[in-house]
Amino acid sequence: MRIRYAGFVAGIGLVALACAGAPAPTERLASAQSAVRAAGEVGAKDVPQAKLHAQLAQEQIDQATKLMEEGENERADAILRRAQADAELAVAMSRESTSQQQAEMAEAALRPTTDHPPSMSAQTTSPTTP
């Protein structure tokens, strides 16, 4: 009798947990939104591929928000993981593009220019008088 009662109580507890579902992924939502903002701040809009990933991330955040409103927290969490990954990829692409541009500018600044002939100071000789 006690075993049946304990099993019954445990079964009710499991059903209650299943109905409650996963908690809303509010922290992951905040992280994904933060990553999208970071992408904007580092100039993702100026790098076509980075811009695409930032837009995808924002669309996924919007979709996850709707799912959270419908109580689909597990699906929302999975989508927010993808959103954060896309936003972080946009940040990385933007930073890489900026670094590449800076490297090209530095390299161009170090190249000798062909506009001016090399200095003649070492080749000039003073006229000698006998």
Protein backbone atom coordinates (compact mmCIF):
# COMPACT_ATOMS: atom_id res chain seq x y z
CA MET A 1 0.00 0.00 0.00
CA ARG A 2 2.75 2.44 0.90
CA ILE A 3 4.65 1.63 -2.28
CA ARG A 4 1.60 2.40 -4.43
CA TYR A 5 0.99 5.64 -2.58
CA ALA A 6 4.63 6.72 -2.98
CA GLY A 7 4.51 5.85 -6.68
CA PHE A 8 1.26 7.80 -7.07
CA VAL A 9 2.72 10.89 -5.37
CA ALA A 10 5.91 10.65 -7.44
CA GLY A 11 3.86 10.33 -10.61
CA ILE A 12 1.86 13.45 -9.77
CA GLY A 13 5.10 15.31 -9.09
CA LEU A 14 6.53 14.34 -12.48
CA VAL A 15 3.34 15.35 -14.28
CA ALA A 16 3.39 18.71 -12.50
CA LEU A 17 6.97 19.30 -13.55
CA ALA A 18 6.22 18.35 -17.15
CA CYS A 19 3.30 20.75 -17.31
CA ALA A 20 5.31 23.58 -15.84
CA GLY A 21 7.80 23.38 -18.70
CA ALA A 22 11.16 25.03 -18.84
CA PRO A 23 11.64 28.45 -17.30
CA ALA A 24 11.67 31.41 -19.64
CA PRO A 25 15.20 31.92 -21.03
CA THR A 26 15.34 35.58 -20.03
CA GLU A 27 19.08 35.58 -19.37
CA ARG A 28 19.79 34.07 -22.78
CA LEU A 29 17.46 36.64 -24.34
CA ALA A 30 19.41 39.45 -22.69
CA SER A 31 22.72 37.94 -23.83
CA ALA A 32 21.54 37.60 -27.41
CA GLN A 33 20.22 41.18 -27.45
CA SER A 34 23.51 42.40 -26.01
CA ALA A 35 25.45 40.56 -28.71
CA VAL A 36 23.29 42.16 -31.43
CA ARG A 37 23.94 45.61 -29.93
CA ALA A 38 27.67 44.85 -29.84
CA ALA A 39 27.56 43.91 -33.52
CA GLY A 40 26.01 47.27 -34.30
CA GLU A 41 28.60 49.11 -32.22
CA VAL A 42 31.57 47.51 -33.97
CA GLY A 43 30.18 48.35 -37.42
CA ALA A 44 28.43 45.19 -38.62
CA LYS A 45 26.26 47.32 -40.89
CA ASP A 46 29.36 48.20 -42.93
CA VAL A 47 30.41 44.58 -43.56
CA PRO A 48 27.88 42.73 -45.76
CA GLN A 49 28.32 39.26 -44.22
CA ALA A 50 28.36 40.66 -40.68
CA LYS A 51 25.23 42.67 -41.43
CA LEU A 52 23.48 39.51 -42.63
CA HIS A 53 24.35 37.60 -39.45
CA ALA A 54 23.26 40.50 -37.25
CA GLN A 55 19.92 40.64 -39.07
CA LEU A 56 19.47 36.88 -38.70
CA ALA A 57 20.18 37.18 -34.99
CA GLN A 58 17.59 39.92 -34.58
CA GLU A 59 14.98 37.90 -36.47
CA GLN A 60 15.70 34.90 -34.27
CA ILE A 61 15.35 37.04 -31.15
CA ASP A 62 11.96 38.24 -32.38
CA GLN A 63 10.88 34.66 -33.08
CA ALA A 64 12.09 33.47 -29.67
CA THR A 65 10.23 36.30 -27.94
CA LYS A 66 6.98 35.17 -29.57
CA LEU A 67 7.67 31.58 -28.57
CA MET A 68 8.28 32.66 -24.98
CA GLU A 69 4.92 34.44 -24.98
CA GLU A 70 3.33 31.16 -26.11
CA GLY A 71 5.09 29.20 -23.38
CA GLU A 72 7.47 27.42 -25.79
CA ASN A 73 10.49 28.17 -23.64
CA GLU A 74 12.62 25.21 -24.72
CA ARG A 75 12.29 26.08 -28.40
CA ALA A 76 12.87 29.74 -27.59
CA ASP A 77 16.06 28.84 -25.72
CA ALA A 78 17.39 26.88 -28.69
CA ILE A 79 16.63 29.74 -31.08
CA LEU A 80 18.25 32.25 -28.73
CA ARG A 81 21.40 30.11 -28.70
CA ARG A 82 21.53 30.39 -32.49
CA ALA A 83 20.79 34.11 -32.31
CA GLN A 84 23.65 34.70 -29.92
CA ALA A 85 26.01 32.66 -32.09
CA ASP A 86 25.01 34.64 -35.19
CA ALA A 87 25.43 37.95 -33.38
CA GLU A 88 28.85 36.93 -32.03
CA LEU A 89 29.85 35.89 -35.55
CA ALA A 90 28.79 39.32 -36.81
CA VAL A 91 30.98 40.95 -34.14
CA ALA A 92 33.96 38.79 -35.12
CA MET A 93 33.49 39.50 -38.83
CA SER A 94 33.26 43.24 -38.18
CA ARG A 95 36.39 43.25 -36.06
CA GLU A 96 38.26 41.18 -38.62
CA SER A 97 37.28 43.60 -41.37
CA THR A 98 38.41 46.58 -39.29
CA SER A 99 41.72 44.90 -38.50
CA GLN A 100 42.26 44.08 -42.17
CA GLN A 101 41.61 47.69 -43.19
CA GLN A 102 44.01 48.98 -40.52
CA ALA A 103 46.69 46.53 -41.62
CA GLU A 104 46.32 47.62 -45.25
CA MET A 105 46.57 51.27 -44.26
CA ALA A 106 49.68 50.62 -42.17
CA GLU A 107 51.25 48.65 -44.99
CA ALA A 108 50.50 51.42 -47.47
CA ALA A 109 52.04 54.00 -45.12
CA LEU A 110 55.25 51.98 -44.90
CA ARG A 111 55.67 51.48 -48.65
CA PRO A 112 58.21 53.76 -50.29
CA THR A 113 56.64 56.23 -52.62
CA THR A 114 57.82 56.44 -56.21
CA ASP A 115 57.06 60.16 -56.50
CA HIS A 116 60.39 61.22 -55.03
CA PRO A 117 63.74 59.91 -56.22
CA PRO A 118 66.08 58.55 -53.57
CA SER A 119 68.16 61.09 -51.73
CA MET A 120 71.26 62.18 -53.58
CA SER A 121 73.17 63.31 -50.51
CA ALA A 122 75.38 60.26 -50.42
CA GLN A 123 76.15 60.50 -54.13
CA THR A 124 77.01 64.16 -54.38
CA THR A 125 80.61 65.12 -54.38
CA SER A 126 82.00 68.49 -53.89
CA PRO A 127 84.07 69.85 -56.71
CA THR A 128 87.71 69.66 -55.95
CA THR A 129 90.03 72.39 -56.97
CA PRO A 130 93.55 71.46 -57.85
